Amino acid sequence: MFVTISLLLAAACLLPAAAKLTGQPRMRKSAAHFGIPWPRYRLIGVAELAAAAGILIGLWWHPVGLAAAVGVALLLLGAIITHRKAADNAQEMAPALLALLLTLAYLTIALTG
């Protein structure tokens, strides 16, 4: 179960990271929507990429995975706050909410398993 949730969480970090780092139009539109300058928004992709790496390393060295997951949780809380400030609806917030639930599941399994 831990391996599965780790791989899902790593993918949940890696996919948006790749979109941000490659400058996908959808990500540029999101940055503009949130009023975040593109270079700063792109840095979120760097954090997401680092988180994905940390989660994968956590398969062998749990403290790194835990640290990465805590960072992801904080990043996602920031994303949800940003969505709220932009008056986004639940559907627009859904990816961040689902990723946060996945992150909390990872932390629960990692800390209790």
PDB file of N, CA and C in Angstrom:
ATOM      1  N   MET A   1       0.818  -1.192   0.000  1.00  0.00           N
ATOM      2  CA  MET A   1       0.000   0.000   0.000  1.00  0.00           C
ATOM      3  C   MET A   1       0.867   1.264   0.000  1.00  0.00           C
ATOM      4  N   PHE A   2       1.939   1.254   0.795  1.00  0.00           N
ATOM      5  CA  PHE A   2       2.809   2.428   0.874  1.00  0.00           C
ATOM      6  C   PHE A   2       3.464   2.738  -0.465  1.00  0.00           C
ATOM      7  N   VAL A   3       3.879   1.703  -1.171  1.00  0.00           N
ATOM      8  CA  VAL A   3       4.514   1.912  -2.480  1.00  0.00           C
ATOM      9  C   VAL A   3       3.502   2.522  -3.453  1.00  0.00           C
ATOM     10  N   THR A   4       2.301   2.009  -3.451  1.00  0.00           N
ATOM     11  CA  THR A   4       1.262   2.514  -4.359  1.00  0.00           C
ATOM     12  C   THR A   4       0.954   3.978  -4.085  1.00  0.00           C
ATOM     13  N   ILE A   5       0.742   4.310  -2.822  1.00  0.00           N
ATOM     14  CA  ILE A   5       0.417   5.703  -2.482  1.00  0.00           C
ATOM     15  C   ILE A   5       1.600   6.619  -2.763  1.00  0.00           C
ATOM     16  N   SER A   6       2.816   6.102  -2.579  1.00  0.00           N
ATOM     17  CA  SER A   6       4.011   6.900  -2.881  1.00  0.00           C
ATOM     18  C   SER A   6       4.086   7.215  -4.366  1.00  0.00           C
ATOM     19  N   LEU A   7       3.836   6.212  -5.193  1.00  0.00           N
ATOM     20  CA  LEU A   7       3.894   6.420  -6.642  1.00  0.00           C
ATOM     21  C   LEU A   7       2.785   7.359  -7.117  1.00  0.00           C
ATOM     22  N   LEU A   8       1.604   7.223  -6.535  1.00  0.00           N
ATOM     23  CA  LEU A   8       0.504   8.127  -6.897  1.00  0.00           C
ATOM     24  C   LEU A   8       0.825   9.567  -6.502  1.00  0.00           C
ATOM     25  N   LEU A   9       1.366   9.743  -5.302  1.00  0.00           N
ATOM     26  CA  LEU A   9       1.698  11.094  -4.851  1.00  0.00           C
ATOM     27  C   LEU A   9       2.842  11.689  -5.674  1.00  0.00           C
ATOM     28  N   ALA A  10       3.826  10.874  -5.997  1.00  0.00           N
ATOM     29  CA  ALA A  10       4.928  11.364  -6.839  1.00  0.00           C
ATOM     30  C   ALA A  10       4.389  11.810  -8.196  1.00  0.00           C
ATOM     31  N   ALA A  11       3.479  11.035  -8.765  1.00  0.00           N
ATOM     32  CA  ALA A  11       2.880  11.416 -10.052  1.00  0.00           C
ATOM     33  C   ALA A  11       2.049  12.689  -9.911  1.00  0.00           C
ATOM     34  N   ALA A  12       1.329  12.814  -8.784  1.00  0.00           N
ATOM     35  CA  ALA A  12       0.515  14.007  -8.552  1.00  0.00           C
ATOM     36  C   ALA A  12       1.376  15.258  -8.415  1.00  0.00           C
ATOM     37  N   CYS A  13       2.624  15.084  -8.047  1.00  0.00           N
ATOM     38  CA  CYS A  13       3.561  16.219  -7.982  1.00  0.00           C
ATOM     39  C   CYS A  13       4.254  16.432  -9.323  1.00  0.00           C
ATOM     40  N   LEU A  14       4.611  15.344  -9.964  1.00  0.00           N
ATOM     41  CA  LEU A  14       5.399  15.420 -11.192  1.00  0.00           C
ATOM     42  C   LEU A  14       4.619  15.994 -12.373  1.00  0.00           C
ATOM     43  N   LEU A  15       3.364  15.633 -12.506  1.00  0.00           N
ATOM     44  CA  LEU A  15       2.589  16.098 -13.669  1.00  0.00           C
ATOM     45  C   LEU A  15       2.435  17.618 -13.697  1.00  0.00           C
ATOM     46  N   PRO A  16       1.989  18.254 -12.608  1.00  0.00           N
ATOM     47  CA  PRO A  16       1.909  19.722 -12.668  1.00  0.00           C
ATOM     48  C   PRO A  16       3.286  20.378 -12.720  1.00  0.00           C
ATOM     49  N   ALA A  17       4.291  19.734 -12.125  1.00  0.00           N
ATOM     50  CA  ALA A  17       5.651  20.283 -12.191  1.00  0.00           C
ATOM     51  C   ALA A  17       6.107  20.353 -13.646  1.00  0.00           C
ATOM     52  N   ALA A  18       5.901  19.272 -14.368  1.00  0.00           N
ATOM     53  CA  ALA A  18       6.315  19.236 -15.777  1.00  0.00           C
ATOM     54  C   ALA A  18       5.580  20.302 -16.584  1.00  0.00           C
ATOM     55  N   ALA A  19       4.287  20.466 -16.321  1.00  0.00           N
ATOM     56  CA  ALA A  19       3.505  21.467 -17.056  1.00  0.00           C
ATOM     57  C   ALA A  19       4.011  22.884 -16.765  1.00  0.00           C
ATOM     58  N   LYS A  20       4.355  23.145 -15.512  1.00  0.00           N
ATOM     59  CA  LYS A  20       4.867  24.471 -15.156  1.00  0.00           C
ATOM     60  C   LYS A  20       6.266  24.690 -15.728  1.00  0.00           C
ATOM     61  N   LEU A  21       7.118  23.709 -15.584  1.00  0.00           N
ATOM     62  CA  LEU A  21       8.509  23.868 -16.015  1.00  0.00           C
ATOM     63  C   LEU A  21       8.659  23.949 -17.528  1.00  0.00           C
ATOM     64  N   THR A  22       7.707  23.357 -18.258  1.00  0.00           N
ATOM     65  CA  THR A  22       7.765  23.443 -19.720  1.00  0.00           C
ATOM     66  C   THR A  22       6.948  24.621 -20.252  1.00  0.00           C
ATOM     67  N   GLY A  23       6.342  25.381 -19.346  1.00  0.00           N
ATOM     68  CA  GLY A  23       5.622  26.590 -19.758  1.00  0.00           C
ATOM     69  C   GLY A  23       4.346  26.339 -20.537  1.00  0.00           C
ATOM     70  N   GLN A  24       3.625  25.295 -20.172  1.00  0.00           N
ATOM     71  CA  GLN A  24       2.379  24.986 -20.869  1.00  0.00           C
ATOM     72  C   GLN A  24       1.404  26.162 -20.786  1.00  0.00           C
ATOM     73  N   PRO A  25       0.688  26.448 -21.870  1.00  0.00           N
ATOM     74  CA  PRO A  25      -0.245  27.576 -21.890  1.00  0.00           C
ATOM     75  C   PRO A  25      -1.264  27.547 -20.741  1.00  0.00           C
ATOM     76  N   ARG A  26      -1.726  26.357 -20.378  1.00  0.00           N
ATOM     77  CA  ARG A  26      -2.686  26.230 -19.282  1.00  0.00           C
ATOM     78  C   ARG A  26      -2.088  26.748 -17.978  1.00  0.00           C
ATOM     79  N   MET A  27      -0.802  26.495 -17.763  1.00  0.00           N
ATOM     80  CA  MET A  27      -0.139  26.955 -16.543  1.00  0.00           C
ATOM     81  C   MET A  27       0.086  28.468 -16.574  1.00  0.00           C
ATOM     82  N   ARG A  28       0.410  28.983 -17.737  1.00  0.00           N
ATOM     83  CA  ARG A  28       0.570  30.439 -17.871  1.00  0.00           C
ATOM     84  C   ARG A  28      -0.760  31.140 -17.607  1.00  0.00           C
ATOM     85  N   LYS A  29      -1.840  30.529 -18.070  1.00  0.00           N
ATOM     86  CA  LYS A  29      -3.167  31.084 -17.832  1.00  0.00           C
ATOM     87  C   LYS A  29      -3.494  31.057 -16.338  1.00  0.00           C
ATOM     88  N   SER A  30      -3.123  29.976 -15.663  1.00  0.00           N
ATOM     89  CA  SER A  30      -3.353  29.882 -14.216  1.00  0.00           C
ATOM     90  C   SER A  30      -2.574  30.956 -13.469  1.00  0.00           C
ATOM     91  N   ALA A  31      -1.327  31.142 -13.840  1.00  0.00           N
ATOM     92  CA  ALA A  31      -0.506  32.174 -13.191  1.00  0.00           C
ATOM     93  C   ALA A  31      -1.166  33.541 -13.335  1.00  0.00           C
ATOM     94  N   ALA A  32      -1.643  33.853 -14.531  1.00  0.00           N
ATOM     95  CA  ALA A  32      -2.310  35.140 -14.764  1.00  0.00           C
ATOM     96  C   ALA A  32      -3.601  35.230 -13.950  1.00  0.00           C
ATOM     97  N   HIS A  33      -4.345  34.137 -13.908  1.00  0.00           N
ATOM     98  CA  HIS A  33      -5.607  34.097 -13.152  1.00  0.00           C
ATOM     99  C   HIS A  33      -5.372  34.412 -11.674  1.00  0.00           C
ATOM    100  N   PHE A  34      -4.290  33.875 -11.125  1.00  0.00           N
ATOM    101  CA  PHE A  34      -3.985  34.080  -9.708  1.00  0.00           C
ATOM    102  C   PHE A  34      -3.212  35.372  -9.452  1.00  0.00           C
ATOM    103  N   GLY A  35      -2.815  36.053 -10.525  1.00  0.00           N
ATOM    104  CA  GLY A  35      -2.057  37.290 -10.366  1.00  0.00           C
ATOM    105  C   GLY A  35      -0.635  37.055  -9.894  1.00  0.00           C
ATOM    106  N   ILE A  36      -0.089  35.904 -10.250  1.00  0.00           N
ATOM    107  CA  ILE A  36       1.281  35.549  -9.863  1.00  0.00           C
ATOM    108  C   ILE A  36       2.171  35.707 -11.088  1.00  0.00           C
ATOM    109  N   PRO A  37       3.250  36.481 -10.997  1.00  0.00           N
ATOM    110  CA  PRO A  37       4.156  36.613 -12.151  1.00  0.00           C
ATOM    111  C   PRO A  37       4.663  35.234 -12.593  1.00  0.00           C
ATOM    112  N   TRP A  38       4.742  35.050 -13.900  1.00  0.00           N
ATOM    113  CA  TRP A  38       5.118  33.750 -14.451  1.00  0.00           C
ATOM    114  C   TRP A  38       6.418  33.191 -13.863  1.00  0.00           C
ATOM    115  N   PRO A  39       7.496  33.951 -13.768  1.00  0.00           N
ATOM    116  CA  PRO A  39       8.725  33.364 -13.209  1.00  0.00           C
ATOM    117  C   PRO A  39       8.528  32.832 -11.786  1.00  0.00           C
ATOM    118  N   ARG A  40       7.735  33.528 -10.983  1.00  0.00           N
ATOM    119  CA  ARG A  40       7.488  33.074  -9.617  1.00  0.00           C
ATOM    120  C   ARG A  40       6.591  31.831  -9.618  1.00  0.00           C
ATOM    121  N   TYR A  41       5.592  31.819 -10.489  1.00  0.00           N
ATOM    122  CA  TYR A  41       4.690  30.668 -10.583  1.00  0.00           C
ATOM    123  C   TYR A  41       5.465  29.426 -11.034  1.00  0.00           C
ATOM    124  N   ARG A  42       6.388  29.644 -11.933  1.00  0.00           N
ATOM    125  CA  ARG A  42       7.202  28.531 -12.439  1.00  0.00           C
ATOM    126  C   ARG A  42       8.031  27.898 -11.323  1.00  0.00           C
ATOM    127  N   LEU A  43       8.420  28.685 -10.326  1.00  0.00           N
ATOM    128  CA  LEU A  43       9.178  28.153  -9.190  1.00  0.00           C
ATOM    129  C   LEU A  43       8.372  27.130  -8.401  1.00  0.00           C
ATOM    130  N   ILE A  44       7.054  27.242  -8.448  1.00  0.00           N
ATOM    131  CA  ILE A  44       6.220  26.234  -7.803  1.00  0.00           C
ATOM    132  C   ILE A  44       6.488  24.878  -8.443  1.00  0.00           C
ATOM    133  N   GLY A  45       6.727  24.879  -9.754  1.00  0.00           N
ATOM    134  CA  GLY A  45       7.065  23.637 -10.458  1.00  0.00           C
ATOM    135  C   GLY A  45       8.364  23.033  -9.957  1.00  0.00           C
ATOM    136  N   VAL A  46       9.318  23.876  -9.604  1.00  0.00           N
ATOM    137  CA  VAL A  46      10.581  23.382  -9.043  1.00  0.00           C
ATOM    138  C   VAL A  46      10.307  22.693  -7.705  1.00  0.00           C
ATOM    139  N   ALA A  47       9.461  23.320  -6.874  1.00  0.00           N
ATOM    140  CA  ALA A  47       9.099  22.722  -5.580  1.00  0.00           C
ATOM    141  C   ALA A  47       8.360  21.406  -5.783  1.00  0.00           C
ATOM    142  N   GLU A  48       7.468  21.359  -6.758  1.00  0.00           N
ATOM    143  CA  GLU A  48       6.733  20.119  -7.037  1.00  0.00           C
ATOM    144  C   GLU A  48       7.669  19.021  -7.532  1.00  0.00           C
ATOM    145  N   LEU A  49       8.635  19.388  -8.356  1.00  0.00           N
ATOM    146  CA  LEU A  49       9.609  18.405  -8.839  1.00  0.00           C
ATOM    147  C   LEU A  49      10.454  17.866  -7.685  1.00  0.00           C
ATOM    148  N   ALA A  50      10.890  18.757  -6.807  1.00  0.00           N
ATOM    149  CA  ALA A  50      11.661  18.331  -5.636  1.00  0.00           C
ATOM    150  C   ALA A  50      10.821  17.431  -4.741  1.00  0.00           C
ATOM    151  N   ALA A  51       9.541  17.756  -4.598  1.00  0.00           N
ATOM    152  CA  ALA A  51       8.654  16.926  -3.781  1.00  0.00           C
ATOM    153  C   ALA A  51       8.512  15.527  -4.370  1.00  0.00           C
ATOM    154  N   ALA A  52       8.338  15.442  -5.684  1.00  0.00           N
ATOM    155  CA  ALA A  52       8.225  14.134  -6.329  1.00  0.00           C
ATOM    156  C   ALA A  52       9.489  13.310  -6.083  1.00  0.00           C
ATOM    157  N   ALA A  53      10.640  13.941  -6.219  1.00  0.00           N
ATOM    158  CA  ALA A  53      11.899  13.236  -5.957  1.00  0.00           C
ATOM    159  C   ALA A  53      11.975  12.794  -4.501  1.00  0.00           C
ATOM    160  N   GLY A  54      11.578  13.671  -3.580  1.00  0.00           N
ATOM    161  CA  GLY A  54      11.609  13.328  -2.162  1.00  0.00           C
ATOM    162  C   GLY A  54      10.687  12.184  -1.811  1.00  0.00           C
ATOM    163  N   ILE A  55       9.520  12.174  -2.404  1.00  0.00           N
ATOM    164  CA  ILE A  55       8.572  11.079  -2.161  1.00  0.00           C
ATOM    165  C   ILE A  55       9.160   9.758  -2.651  1.00  0.00           C
ATOM    166  N   LEU A  56       9.775   9.780  -3.827  1.00  0.00           N
ATOM    167  CA  LEU A  56      10.384   8.546  -4.358  1.00  0.00           C
ATOM    168  C   LEU A  56      11.568   8.096  -3.507  1.00  0.00           C
ATOM    169  N   ILE A  57      12.396   9.039  -3.081  1.00  0.00           N
ATOM    170  CA  ILE A  57      13.509   8.694  -2.196  1.00  0.00           C
ATOM    171  C   ILE A  57      12.965   8.123  -0.890  1.00  0.00           C
ATOM    172  N   GLY A  58      11.802   8.616  -0.475  1.00  0.00           N
ATOM    173  CA  GLY A  58      11.167   8.131   0.746  1.00  0.00           C
ATOM    174  C   GLY A  58      10.796   6.666   0.722  1.00  0.00           C
ATOM    175  N   LEU A  59      10.771   6.067  -0.452  1.00  0.00           N
ATOM    176  CA  LEU A  59      10.546   4.620  -0.520  1.00  0.00           C
ATOM    177  C   LEU A  59      11.689   3.861   0.154  1.00  0.00           C
ATOM    178  N   TRP A  60      12.878   4.450   0.141  1.00  0.00           N
ATOM    179  CA  TRP A  60      14.047   3.809   0.751  1.00  0.00           C
ATOM    180  C   TRP A  60      14.462   4.482   2.061  1.00  0.00           C
ATOM    181  N   TRP A  61      14.232   5.789   2.141  1.00  0.00           N
ATOM    182  CA  TRP A  61      14.646   6.538   3.316  1.00  0.00           C
ATOM    183  C   TRP A  61      13.446   7.375   3.771  1.00  0.00           C
ATOM    184  N   HIS A  62      12.678   6.810   4.675  1.00  0.00           N
ATOM    185  CA  HIS A  62      11.390   7.387   5.077  1.00  0.00           C
ATOM    186  C   HIS A  62      11.432   8.836   5.559  1.00  0.00           C
ATOM    187  N   PRO A  63      12.455   9.266   6.296  1.00  0.00           N
ATOM    188  CA  PRO A  63      12.444  10.671   6.728  1.00  0.00           C
ATOM    189  C   PRO A  63      12.404  11.666   5.563  1.00  0.00           C
ATOM    190  N   VAL A  64      13.041  11.337   4.456  1.00  0.00           N
ATOM    191  CA  VAL A  64      13.012  12.230   3.291  1.00  0.00           C
ATOM    192  C   VAL A  64      11.604  12.281   2.709  1.00  0.00           C
ATOM    193  N   GLY A  65      10.964  11.136   2.618  1.00  0.00           N
ATOM    194  CA  GLY A  65       9.592  11.088   2.115  1.00  0.00           C
ATOM    195  C   GLY A  65       8.632  11.854   3.005  1.00  0.00           C
ATOM    196  N   LEU A  66       8.807  11.717   4.309  1.00  0.00           N
ATOM    197  CA  LEU A  66       7.954  12.455   5.244  1.00  0.00           C
ATOM    198  C   LEU A  66       8.149  13.961   5.091  1.00  0.00           C
ATOM    199  N   ALA A  67       9.391  14.387   5.004  1.00  0.00           N
ATOM    200  CA  ALA A  67       9.672  15.816   4.834  1.00  0.00           C
ATOM    201  C   ALA A  67       9.067  16.332   3.527  1.00  0.00           C
ATOM    202  N   ALA A  68       9.207  15.556   2.464  1.00  0.00           N
ATOM    203  CA  ALA A  68       8.638  15.955   1.179  1.00  0.00           C
ATOM    204  C   ALA A  68       7.115  16.044   1.259  1.00  0.00           C
ATOM    205  N   ALA A  69       6.488  15.080   1.914  1.00  0.00           N
ATOM    206  CA  ALA A  69       5.031  15.082   2.029  1.00  0.00           C
ATOM    207  C   ALA A  69       4.532  16.261   2.863  1.00  0.00           C
ATOM    208  N   VAL A  70       5.241  16.604   3.911  1.00  0.00           N
ATOM    209  CA  VAL A  70       4.859  17.782   4.696  1.00  0.00           C
ATOM    210  C   VAL A  70       4.973  19.035   3.814  1.00  0.00           C
ATOM    211  N   GLY A  71       6.038  19.113   3.027  1.00  0.00           N
ATOM    212  CA  GLY A  71       6.194  20.239   2.107  1.00  0.00           C
ATOM    213  C   GLY A  71       5.071  20.292   1.088  1.00  0.00           C
ATOM    214  N   VAL A  72       4.681  19.139   0.569  1.00  0.00           N
ATOM    215  CA  VAL A  72       3.579  19.085  -0.402  1.00  0.00           C
ATOM    216  C   VAL A  72       2.283  19.551   0.262  1.00  0.00           C
ATOM    217  N   ALA A  73       2.039  19.103   1.487  1.00  0.00           N
ATOM    218  CA  ALA A  73       0.821  19.512   2.190  1.00  0.00           C
ATOM    219  C   ALA A  73       0.779  21.030   2.348  1.00  0.00           C
ATOM    220  N   LEU A  74       1.910  21.617   2.717  1.00  0.00           N
ATOM    221  CA  LEU A  74       1.961  23.074   2.867  1.00  0.00           C
ATOM    222  C   LEU A  74       1.755  23.775   1.520  1.00  0.00           C
ATOM    223  N   LEU A  75       2.369  23.249   0.485  1.00  0.00           N
ATOM    224  CA  LEU A  75       2.206  23.805  -0.857  1.00  0.00           C
ATOM    225  C   LEU A  75       0.737  23.750  -1.284  1.00  0.00           C
ATOM    226  N   LEU A  76       0.095  22.633  -1.017  1.00  0.00           N
ATOM    227  CA  LEU A  76      -1.305  22.471  -1.413  1.00  0.00           C
ATOM    228  C   LEU A  76      -2.237  23.339  -0.574  1.00  0.00           C
ATOM    229  N   LEU A  77      -1.935  23.522   0.681  1.00  0.00           N
ATOM    230  CA  LEU A  77      -2.728  24.453   1.488  1.00  0.00           C
ATOM    231  C   LEU A  77      -2.618  25.864   0.911  1.00  0.00           C
ATOM    232  N   GLY A  78      -1.422  26.232   0.498  1.00  0.00           N
ATOM    233  CA  GLY A  78      -1.238  27.524  -0.169  1.00  0.00           C
ATOM    234  C   GLY A  78      -2.025  27.608  -1.463  1.00  0.00           C
ATOM    235  N   ALA A  79      -2.060  26.514  -2.208  1.00  0.00           N
ATOM    236  CA  ALA A  79      -2.822  26.485  -3.461  1.00  0.00           C
ATOM    237  C   ALA A  79      -4.314  26.657  -3.195  1.00  0.00           C
ATOM    238  N   ILE A  80      -4.811  25.996  -2.166  1.00  0.00           N
ATOM    239  CA  ILE A  80      -6.234  26.097  -1.846  1.00  0.00           C
ATOM    240  C   ILE A  80      -6.573  27.518  -1.397  1.00  0.00           C
ATOM    241  N   ILE A  81      -5.719  28.113  -0.595  1.00  0.00           N
ATOM    242  CA  ILE A  81      -5.927  29.503  -0.178  1.00  0.00           C
ATOM    243  C   ILE A  81      -5.924  30.428  -1.397  1.00  0.00           C
ATOM    244  N   THR A  82      -5.003  30.195  -2.309  1.00  0.00           N
ATOM    245  CA  THR A  82      -4.923  31.012  -3.521  1.00  0.00           C
ATOM    246  C   THR A  82      -6.185  30.854  -4.364  1.00  0.00           C
ATOM    247  N   HIS A  83      -6.682  29.621  -4.489  1.00  0.00           N
ATOM    248  CA  HIS A  83      -7.944  29.394  -5.213  1.00  0.00           C
ATOM    249  C   HIS A  83      -9.091  30.156  -4.553  1.00  0.00           C
ATOM    250  N   ARG A  84      -9.146  30.114  -3.221  1.00  0.00           N
ATOM    251  CA  ARG A  84     -10.214  30.822  -2.495  1.00  0.00           C
ATOM    252  C   ARG A  84     -10.136  32.328  -2.727  1.00  0.00           C
ATOM    253  N   LYS A  85      -8.913  32.865  -2.695  1.00  0.00           N
ATOM    254  CA  LYS A  85      -8.747  34.309  -2.918  1.00  0.00           C
ATOM    255  C   LYS A  85      -9.176  34.704  -4.326  1.00  0.00           C
ATOM    256  N   ALA A  86      -9.011  33.772  -5.265  1.00  0.00           N
ATOM    257  CA  ALA A  86      -9.412  34.040  -6.647  1.00  0.00           C
ATOM    258  C   ALA A  86     -10.891  33.735  -6.881  1.00  0.00           C
ATOM    259  N   ALA A  87     -11.604  33.384  -5.808  1.00  0.00           N
ATOM    260  CA  ALA A  87     -13.034  33.068  -5.869  1.00  0.00           C
ATOM    261  C   ALA A  87     -13.335  31.892  -6.795  1.00  0.00           C
ATOM    262  N   ASP A  88     -12.422  30.929  -6.842  1.00  0.00           N
ATOM    263  CA  ASP A  88     -12.638  29.732  -7.652  1.00  0.00           C
ATOM    264  C   ASP A  88     -13.675  28.838  -6.980  1.00  0.00           C
ATOM    265  N   ASN A  89     -14.386  28.078  -7.794  1.00  0.00           N
ATOM    266  CA  ASN A  89     -15.384  27.158  -7.250  1.00  0.00           C
ATOM    267  C   ASN A  89     -14.731  25.822  -6.886  1.00  0.00           C
ATOM    268  N   ALA A  90     -15.525  24.928  -6.328  1.00  0.00           N
ATOM    269  CA  ALA A  90     -15.007  23.632  -5.864  1.00  0.00           C
ATOM    270  C   ALA A  90     -14.410  22.810  -7.007  1.00  0.00           C
ATOM    271  N   GLN A  91     -15.011  22.901  -8.178  1.00  0.00           N
ATOM    272  CA  GLN A  91     -14.494  22.140  -9.324  1.00  0.00           C
ATOM    273  C   GLN A  91     -13.089  22.616  -9.693  1.00  0.00           C
ATOM    274  N   GLU A  92     -12.867  23.911  -9.629  1.00  0.00           N
ATOM    275  CA  GLU A  92     -11.540  24.450  -9.953  1.00  0.00           C
ATOM    276  C   GLU A  92     -10.519  24.116  -8.877  1.00  0.00           C
ATOM    277  N   MET A  93     -10.988  23.941  -7.656  1.00  0.00           N
ATOM    278  CA  MET A  93     -10.099  23.585  -6.545  1.00  0.00           C
ATOM    279  C   MET A  93      -9.897  22.083  -6.407  1.00  0.00           C
ATOM    280  N   ALA A  94     -10.699  21.297  -7.099  1.00  0.00           N
ATOM    281  CA  ALA A  94     -10.701  19.847  -6.923  1.00  0.00           C
ATOM    282  C   ALA A  94      -9.317  19.200  -7.048  1.00  0.00           C
ATOM    283  N   PRO A  95      -8.508  19.539  -8.059  1.00  0.00           N
ATOM    284  CA  PRO A  95      -7.197  18.884  -8.136  1.00  0.00           C
ATOM    285  C   PRO A  95      -6.335  19.127  -6.889  1.00  0.00           C
ATOM    286  N   ALA A  96      -6.351  20.348  -6.379  1.00  0.00           N
ATOM    287  CA  ALA A  96      -5.563  20.644  -5.181  1.00  0.00           C
ATOM    288  C   ALA A  96      -6.130  19.916  -3.967  1.00  0.00           C
ATOM    289  N   LEU A  97      -7.450  19.864  -3.854  1.00  0.00           N
ATOM    290  CA  LEU A  97      -8.080  19.168  -2.731  1.00  0.00           C
ATOM    291  C   LEU A  97      -7.796  17.673  -2.769  1.00  0.00           C
ATOM    292  N   LEU A  98      -7.899  17.085  -3.957  1.00  0.00           N
ATOM    293  CA  LEU A  98      -7.615  15.651  -4.092  1.00  0.00           C
ATOM    294  C   LEU A  98      -6.145  15.345  -3.798  1.00  0.00           C
ATOM    295  N   ALA A  99      -5.270  16.192  -4.281  1.00  0.00           N
ATOM    296  CA  ALA A  99      -3.843  15.992  -4.010  1.00  0.00           C
ATOM    297  C   ALA A  99      -3.554  16.133  -2.520  1.00  0.00           C
ATOM    298  N   LEU A 100      -4.252  17.039  -1.848  1.00  0.00           N
ATOM    299  CA  LEU A 100      -4.067  17.183  -0.408  1.00  0.00           C
ATOM    300  C   LEU A 100      -4.550  15.932   0.318  1.00  0.00           C
ATOM    301  N   LEU A 101      -5.684  15.387  -0.089  1.00  0.00           N
ATOM    302  CA  LEU A 101      -6.176  14.143   0.514  1.00  0.00           C
ATOM    303  C   LEU A 101      -5.192  13.001   0.295  1.00  0.00           C
ATOM    304  N   LEU A 102      -4.622  12.924  -0.894  1.00  0.00           N
ATOM    305  CA  LEU A 102      -3.626  11.905  -1.193  1.00  0.00           C
ATOM    306  C   LEU A 102      -2.393  12.084  -0.314  1.00  0.00           C
ATOM    307  N   THR A 103      -1.986  13.320  -0.125  1.00  0.00           N
ATOM    308  CA  THR A 103      -0.836  13.623   0.720  1.00  0.00           C
ATOM    309  C   THR A 103      -1.109  13.237   2.171  1.00  0.00           C
ATOM    310  N   LEU A 104      -2.294  13.540   2.648  1.00  0.00           N
ATOM    311  CA  LEU A 104      -2.656  13.167   4.022  1.00  0.00           C
ATOM    312  C   LEU A 104      -2.714  11.651   4.180  1.00  0.00           C
ATOM    313  N   ALA A 105      -3.188  10.952   3.147  1.00  0.00           N
ATOM    314  CA  ALA A 105      -3.187   9.486   3.185  1.00  0.00           C
ATOM    315  C   ALA A 105      -1.754   8.963   3.256  1.00  0.00           C
ATOM    316  N   TYR A 106      -0.866   9.547   2.458  1.00  0.00           N
ATOM    317  CA  TYR A 106       0.542   9.147   2.483  1.00  0.00           C
ATOM    318  C   TYR A 106       1.117   9.338   3.884  1.00  0.00           C
ATOM    319  N   LEU A 107       0.876  10.512   4.459  1.00  0.00           N
ATOM    320  CA  LEU A 107       1.415  10.793   5.793  1.00  0.00           C
ATOM    321  C   LEU A 107       0.847   9.842   6.841  1.00  0.00           C
ATOM    322  N   THR A 108      -0.425   9.537   6.741  1.00  0.00           N
ATOM    323  CA  THR A 108      -1.050   8.616   7.688  1.00  0.00           C
ATOM    324  C   THR A 108      -0.432   7.230   7.587  1.00  0.00           C
ATOM    325  N   ILE A 109      -0.277   6.742   6.370  1.00  0.00           N
ATOM    326  CA  ILE A 109       0.323   5.409   6.179  1.00  0.00           C
ATOM    327  C   ILE A 109       1.777   5.408   6.615  1.00  0.00           C
ATOM    328  N   ALA A 110       2.516   6.450   6.260  1.00  0.00           N
ATOM    329  CA  ALA A 110       3.934   6.511   6.598  1.00  0.00           C
ATOM    330  C   ALA A 110       4.156   6.583   8.105  1.00  0.00           C
ATOM    331  N   LEU A 111       3.281   7.281   8.807  1.00  0.00           N
ATOM    332  CA  LEU A 111       3.460   7.463  10.247  1.00  0.00           C
ATOM    333  C   LEU A 111       2.893   6.319  11.081  1.00  0.00           C
ATOM    334  N   THR A 112       1.943   5.569  10.528  1.00  0.00           N
ATOM    335  CA  THR A 112       1.336   4.492  11.291  1.00  0.00           C
ATOM    336  C   THR A 112       1.766   3.107  10.841  1.00  0.00           C
ATOM    337  N   GLY A 113       2.369   3.050   9.649  1.00  0.00           N
ATOM    338  CA  GLY A 113       2.729   1.730   9.095  1.00  0.00           C
ATOM    339  C   GLY A 113       4.063   1.364   9.410  1.00  0.00           C
TER     340      GLY A 113
END
